Amino acid sequence: MSQREWSLIDIPSLEGKVVVVTGGNGGLGYEAVNVFAKRGAKVILASRSVERGQEAHAKLTNETPSADVEVMELDLGDLESVHNFAHAFQQKYDRLDILLNNAGVMTTPYGTTKDGFEQQLGINHLGHFALTGLLFDTIKKTPDARIVNISSNAHRQGEIDFDNLMFEGGNGYTPMKAYAQSKLANLLFTYQLQRKIEEAGLSVKVEAAHPGIANTNLTRHIEDKPLFKVVGPLLGFMTQDSFNGALPGIRAATDSSVAGGEYFGPSGFQEFKGDPVVVEPITKAYDVMDADLLWKKSEELTGVTFNV
């Protein structure tokens, strides 16, 4: 696809479409829910906290009374919650046009999910892997459905360490190392799923996107660090607000000219901010052997397989 200009006015009507946005209660996810709802979609605002989800819902409907938004509980750090969400969704809906895998945590202290996974890989990758797999039967029967995984520029520092994938007991753990690994995993998952879909001849497209440096609450775990206090004030020149940070994911989800397996990010210097355009990840994001091994490991850990 060409690097043609794109803006919100290019988004077609989403009337009759069903959309799921994980982490839809705040930041990039909230902005995406708002845009999709304004275009007429039925939007499922998936949130770990129902209370925060309801607060976001009230804000959305106050701004756009016609917004058709439903809050559903989803804790990506708890596979039981992921199964419950998928079951509840499929009881009510027989189509899923857009799945925006947006929720995530960033540079957290070492910790584990309810299932014992290192929490950044567990939430950012494994939770979304399981969710996508559980919803895939509904996705693949929806004409021209789309899956969008939100990655990060931090994937460029990522390494998938299959010998120490979970940093057991904090062994070798640093917050950024684990975050970068999870964001590289998002891309390996994106391209591997797209390959499987193409082999099966399905119409589903899988995309990835990153927000550049967006001003969201994900930085809360590093704001008290000495280095952040020094460089933080300078970041204002390089960052963009959460609305603009959400645009690469929104474009990936709605642009009719998108080809399967494209990656969107800001157009500016170092992809920090700017208009949403097609960008290139690091070469290792396309590594088929790593992607295949990560896929098998993800199936083993989550117990979820894809009916592609």
Protein backbone atom coordinates (compact mmCIF):
# COMPACT_ATOMS: atom_id res chain seq x y z
CA MET A 1 0.00 0.00 0.00
CA SER A 2 1.16 3.55 -0.65
CA GLN A 3 1.87 6.09 2.05
CA ARG A 4 -1.20 8.04 1.08
CA GLU A 5 -2.64 10.64 3.40
CA TRP A 6 -5.38 9.49 5.73
CA SER A 7 -7.61 11.15 8.30
CA LEU A 8 -10.72 10.38 10.32
CA ILE A 9 -12.96 11.50 7.47
CA ASP A 10 -11.71 8.47 5.53
CA ILE A 11 -13.30 6.08 8.02
CA PRO A 12 -16.41 4.56 6.44
CA SER A 13 -19.68 4.12 8.28
CA LEU A 14 -19.42 1.31 10.81
CA GLU A 15 -23.18 0.83 11.11
CA GLY A 16 -23.96 -2.83 11.74
CA LYS A 17 -20.35 -3.59 12.74
CA VAL A 18 -19.39 -5.13 16.08
CA VAL A 19 -16.08 -4.02 17.60
CA VAL A 20 -14.18 -5.16 20.70
CA VAL A 21 -11.54 -2.87 22.23
CA THR A 22 -9.49 -4.24 25.11
CA GLY A 23 -8.45 -1.66 27.67
CA GLY A 24 -11.19 0.59 26.35
CA ASN A 25 -11.68 2.50 29.58
CA GLY A 26 -8.71 4.83 29.17
CA GLY A 27 -5.84 6.12 27.06
CA LEU A 28 -5.57 4.86 23.49
CA GLY A 29 -8.39 2.40 23.98
CA TYR A 30 -10.87 5.04 25.10
CA GLU A 31 -10.04 7.20 22.07
CA ALA A 32 -10.58 4.23 19.74
CA VAL A 33 -13.91 3.34 21.35
CA ASN A 34 -15.02 6.94 20.93
CA VAL A 35 -14.12 7.04 17.23
CA PHE A 36 -15.70 3.67 16.44
CA ALA A 37 -18.90 4.59 18.29
CA LYS A 38 -19.17 7.93 16.48
CA ARG A 39 -19.00 6.00 13.19
CA GLY A 40 -21.98 3.91 14.25
CA ALA A 41 -20.38 0.67 15.46
CA LYS A 42 -21.61 -1.43 18.35
CA VAL A 43 -18.53 -1.26 20.58
CA ILE A 44 -17.67 -3.61 23.41
CA LEU A 45 -15.54 -1.68 25.88
CA ALA A 46 -13.54 -4.45 27.56
CA SER A 47 -12.10 -3.39 30.89
CA ARG A 48 -10.43 -5.15 33.82
CA SER A 49 -12.31 -2.79 36.12
CA VAL A 50 -16.05 -2.66 35.46
CA GLU A 51 -16.24 0.50 37.57
CA ARG A 52 -13.67 2.31 35.41
CA GLY A 53 -15.39 0.95 32.35
CA GLN A 54 -18.71 2.39 33.48
CA GLU A 55 -17.07 5.75 34.17
CA ALA A 56 -15.68 5.75 30.62
CA HIS A 57 -19.09 4.74 29.29
CA ALA A 58 -20.75 7.66 31.05
CA LYS A 59 -18.19 10.06 29.61
CA LEU A 60 -18.63 8.64 26.11
CA THR A 61 -22.41 8.78 26.11
CA ASN A 62 -22.40 12.26 27.58
CA GLU A 63 -20.32 13.43 24.62
CA THR A 64 -22.09 11.24 22.05
CA PRO A 65 -25.60 10.29 23.24
CA SER A 66 -26.09 7.98 20.27
CA ALA A 67 -22.98 5.92 21.12
CA ASP A 68 -23.81 2.21 21.30
CA VAL A 69 -21.21 1.04 23.82
CA GLU A 70 -21.38 -1.92 26.18
CA VAL A 71 -18.97 -2.48 29.06
CA MET A 72 -17.78 -6.04 29.64
CA GLU A 73 -15.30 -7.28 32.22
CA LEU A 74 -12.00 -8.66 30.90
CA ASP A 75 -8.84 -9.28 32.91
CA LEU A 76 -6.13 -10.33 30.47
CA GLY A 77 -3.98 -11.45 33.39
CA ASP A 78 -6.50 -14.16 34.28
CA LEU A 79 -7.26 -16.88 31.71
CA GLU A 80 -10.52 -17.73 33.46
CA SER A 81 -11.65 -14.13 32.91
CA VAL A 82 -10.60 -14.36 29.24
CA HIS A 83 -12.68 -17.52 28.80
CA ASN A 84 -15.63 -15.94 30.59
CA PHE A 85 -15.47 -12.85 28.38
CA ALA A 86 -15.29 -14.89 25.17
CA HIS A 87 -18.22 -17.08 26.25
CA ALA A 88 -20.35 -14.10 27.27
CA PHE A 89 -19.56 -12.30 24.01
CA GLN A 90 -20.45 -15.30 21.85
CA GLN A 91 -23.71 -15.77 23.72
CA LYS A 92 -24.80 -12.31 22.56
CA TYR A 93 -23.07 -11.70 19.21
CA ASP A 94 -22.65 -13.76 16.07
CA ARG A 95 -20.13 -11.47 14.38
CA LEU A 96 -16.94 -9.59 15.27
CA ASP A 97 -15.74 -7.14 12.66
CA ILE A 98 -12.84 -5.56 14.54
CA LEU A 99 -10.85 -6.90 17.48
CA LEU A 100 -8.49 -4.21 18.73
CA ASN A 101 -6.02 -5.84 21.13
CA ASN A 102 -5.00 -2.62 22.81
CA ALA A 103 -4.75 -3.21 26.57
CA GLY A 104 -1.35 -3.56 28.16
CA VAL A 105 1.06 -2.82 30.95
CA MET A 106 4.46 -1.18 30.60
CA THR A 107 7.73 -1.49 32.54
CA THR A 108 6.11 -2.85 35.68
CA PRO A 109 8.11 -4.24 38.60
CA TYR A 110 8.52 -8.01 38.40
CA GLY A 111 5.29 -9.83 39.09
CA THR A 112 3.15 -12.68 37.82
CA THR A 113 -0.41 -13.04 36.57
CA LYS A 114 -3.03 -15.23 38.23
CA ASP A 115 -1.84 -18.06 36.01
CA GLY A 116 1.81 -17.62 37.00
CA PHE A 117 3.03 -15.87 33.84
CA GLU A 118 5.45 -12.95 33.99
CA GLN A 119 2.89 -10.17 33.92
CA GLN A 120 4.03 -8.11 30.94
CA LEU A 121 4.23 -11.11 28.61
CA GLY A 122 1.17 -12.59 30.29
CA ILE A 123 -1.05 -9.54 29.77
CA ASN A 124 0.42 -7.96 26.65
CA HIS A 125 0.82 -11.16 24.62
CA LEU A 126 -0.58 -14.34 26.18
CA GLY A 127 -3.87 -12.80 27.30
CA HIS A 128 -4.49 -11.39 23.84
CA PHE A 129 -3.35 -14.62 22.17
CA ALA A 130 -5.92 -16.54 24.21
CA LEU A 131 -8.66 -13.97 23.62
CA THR A 132 -8.10 -13.92 19.87
CA GLY A 133 -8.06 -17.71 19.69
CA LEU A 134 -11.27 -18.05 21.69
CA LEU A 135 -13.04 -15.48 19.51
CA PHE A 136 -11.57 -16.69 16.23
CA ASP A 137 -14.52 -18.83 15.13
CA THR A 138 -16.71 -15.74 15.34
CA ILE A 139 -14.10 -13.55 13.64
CA LYS A 140 -13.51 -15.85 10.68
CA LYS A 141 -17.20 -16.11 9.80
CA THR A 142 -17.50 -12.30 9.75
CA PRO A 143 -16.84 -10.93 6.24
CA ASP A 144 -13.63 -8.89 6.00
CA ALA A 145 -13.00 -8.99 9.75
CA ARG A 146 -9.89 -7.41 11.13
CA ILE A 147 -7.59 -8.06 14.11
CA VAL A 148 -5.25 -5.28 15.26
CA ASN A 149 -2.47 -5.84 17.79
CA ILE A 150 -0.93 -2.81 19.46
CA SER A 151 2.85 -3.09 19.74
CA SER A 152 5.47 -0.45 20.58
CA ASN A 153 8.69 1.06 19.32
CA ALA A 154 10.21 -0.77 22.29
CA HIS A 155 9.98 -3.98 20.25
CA ARG A 156 13.22 -2.83 18.63
CA GLN A 157 15.06 -3.69 21.84
CA GLY A 158 13.18 -6.96 22.22
CA GLU A 159 14.57 -10.48 22.40
CA ILE A 160 12.45 -13.59 22.83
CA ASP A 161 14.42 -15.62 25.37
CA PHE A 162 12.81 -19.04 25.14
CA ASP A 163 15.17 -20.34 27.84
CA ASN A 164 13.94 -17.73 30.32
CA LEU A 165 10.65 -16.59 28.84
CA MET A 166 9.03 -15.87 32.19
CA PHE A 167 12.06 -14.52 34.09
CA GLU A 168 11.29 -17.14 36.74
CA GLY A 169 11.55 -15.67 40.21
CA GLY A 170 12.76 -12.40 38.70
CA ASN A 171 15.87 -14.05 37.22
CA GLY A 172 17.39 -11.61 34.72
CA TYR A 173 14.33 -9.39 34.90
CA THR A 174 14.37 -5.72 34.07
CA PRO A 175 11.13 -3.84 33.42
CA MET A 176 12.17 -2.66 29.96
CA LYS A 177 13.62 -6.01 28.88
CA ALA A 178 10.34 -7.74 29.71
CA TYR A 179 8.26 -5.00 28.09
CA ALA A 180 10.31 -5.09 24.89
CA GLN A 181 10.01 -8.88 24.75
CA SER A 182 6.22 -8.66 25.07
CA LYS A 183 5.98 -6.05 22.32
CA LEU A 184 8.14 -8.10 19.95
CA ALA A 185 5.86 -11.04 20.78
CA ASN A 186 2.88 -8.95 19.62
CA LEU A 187 4.47 -8.60 16.19
CA LEU A 188 5.59 -12.23 15.88
CA PHE A 189 1.99 -13.22 16.72
CA THR A 190 0.58 -10.77 14.17
CA TYR A 191 2.66 -12.08 11.27
CA GLN A 192 2.28 -15.75 12.18
CA LEU A 193 -1.51 -15.46 12.41
CA GLN A 194 -1.60 -13.61 9.09
CA ARG A 195 0.44 -16.42 7.48
CA LYS A 196 -1.97 -19.05 8.80
CA ILE A 197 -4.97 -17.06 7.60
CA GLU A 198 -3.52 -16.69 4.11
CA GLU A 199 -2.76 -20.42 3.96
CA ALA A 200 -6.37 -21.14 4.91
CA GLY A 201 -7.74 -18.68 2.34
CA LEU A 202 -9.72 -16.67 4.89
CA SER A 203 -10.75 -13.03 4.40
CA VAL A 204 -9.57 -11.91 7.86
CA LYS A 205 -6.72 -9.38 7.98
CA VAL A 206 -4.31 -9.09 10.88
CA GLU A 207 -2.56 -5.76 11.43
CA ALA A 208 -0.27 -4.20 14.00
CA ALA A 209 0.24 -0.63 15.11
CA HIS A 210 2.16 1.43 17.62
CA PRO A 211 1.35 4.87 19.08
CA GLY A 212 4.81 6.40 19.02
CA ILE A 213 5.42 8.20 22.30
CA ALA A 214 1.90 8.86 23.50
CA ASN A 215 0.99 10.63 26.70
CA THR A 216 -0.92 7.90 28.56
CA ASN A 217 -0.86 6.47 32.07
CA LEU A 218 1.40 3.59 30.99
CA THR A 219 4.42 5.59 32.15
CA ARG A 220 3.22 5.59 35.75
CA HIS A 221 5.78 2.94 36.74
CA ILE A 222 8.74 5.04 35.64
CA GLU A 223 7.64 8.58 36.50
CA ASP A 224 9.43 8.49 39.87
CA LYS A 225 12.73 7.30 38.37
CA PRO A 226 15.58 9.87 38.51
CA LEU A 227 16.27 9.65 34.76
CA PHE A 228 12.61 10.21 33.90
CA LYS A 229 12.51 13.27 36.15
CA VAL A 230 15.45 14.71 34.17
CA VAL A 231 14.27 13.90 30.65
CA GLY A 232 10.53 13.91 31.31
CA PRO A 233 10.07 17.65 30.71
CA LEU A 234 11.88 17.27 27.37
CA LEU A 235 9.54 14.52 26.23
CA GLY A 236 6.81 17.06 25.64
CA PHE A 237 8.54 18.00 22.40
CA MET A 238 8.54 14.38 21.24
CA THR A 239 5.19 13.09 22.48
CA GLN A 240 1.66 13.25 21.21
CA ASP A 241 -1.63 13.06 23.07
CA SER A 242 -3.56 9.83 23.45
CA PHE A 243 -5.97 10.72 20.64
CA ASN A 244 -3.18 11.03 18.08
CA GLY A 245 -1.43 8.02 19.58
CA ALA A 246 -4.58 5.99 18.92
CA LEU A 247 -4.75 6.90 15.23
CA PRO A 248 -2.32 4.24 13.90
CA GLY A 249 -4.45 1.52 15.47
CA ILE A 250 -7.67 3.13 14.27
CA ARG A 251 -6.31 3.38 10.73
CA ALA A 252 -5.16 -0.25 10.84
CA ALA A 253 -8.67 -1.24 11.91
CA THR A 254 -10.66 0.77 9.36
CA ASP A 255 -8.65 1.74 6.26
CA SER A 256 -10.15 -0.20 3.36
CA SER A 257 -6.86 -0.16 1.44
CA VAL A 258 -4.87 -1.97 4.12
CA ALA A 259 -3.23 -5.26 3.17
CA GLY A 260 -2.92 -8.08 5.68
CA GLY A 261 0.18 -7.94 7.88
CA GLU A 262 0.88 -4.22 7.73
CA TYR A 263 2.30 -2.23 10.63
CA PHE A 264 1.24 1.35 11.34
CA GLY A 265 2.92 4.07 13.35
CA PRO A 266 3.55 7.84 13.39
CA SER A 267 5.21 9.44 10.38
CA GLY A 268 7.58 11.76 12.26
CA PHE A 269 11.17 11.57 13.47
CA GLN A 270 11.95 8.12 14.89
CA GLU A 271 8.20 7.43 14.69
CA PHE A 272 7.72 9.39 17.92
CA LYS A 273 4.68 11.29 16.67
CA GLY A 274 2.94 12.29 13.47
CA ASP A 275 0.30 11.11 11.04
CA PRO A 276 -0.45 7.36 10.95
CA VAL A 277 1.42 5.62 8.12
CA VAL A 278 2.81 2.19 7.27
CA VAL A 279 6.13 1.66 9.07
CA GLU A 280 8.64 -1.19 9.25
CA PRO A 281 9.44 -3.26 12.33
CA ILE A 282 12.86 -4.75 12.97
CA THR A 283 13.76 -7.76 10.82
CA LYS A 284 13.47 -10.26 13.66
CA ALA A 285 9.73 -9.50 13.88
CA TYR A 286 9.41 -11.50 10.64
CA ASP A 287 11.43 -14.49 11.95
CA VAL A 288 9.31 -17.50 11.02
CA MET A 289 11.12 -19.94 13.31
CA ASP A 290 10.76 -17.70 16.35
CA ALA A 291 7.13 -17.02 15.46
CA ASP A 292 6.38 -20.73 15.14
CA LEU A 293 8.08 -21.55 18.43
CA LEU A 294 6.33 -18.68 20.22
CA TRP A 295 2.99 -19.82 18.79
CA LYS A 296 3.47 -23.37 20.06
CA LYS A 297 4.64 -22.12 23.44
CA SER A 298 1.64 -19.77 23.66
CA GLU A 299 -0.74 -22.64 22.90
CA GLU A 300 0.94 -24.77 25.55
CA LEU A 301 0.83 -22.05 28.20
CA THR A 302 -2.73 -20.85 27.56
CA GLY A 303 -4.34 -24.09 26.48
CA VAL A 304 -5.93 -22.21 23.58
CA THR A 305 -5.63 -23.33 19.96
CA PHE A 306 -6.83 -21.53 16.84
CA ASN A 307 -9.34 -23.16 14.52
CA VAL A 308 -7.84 -21.56 11.42
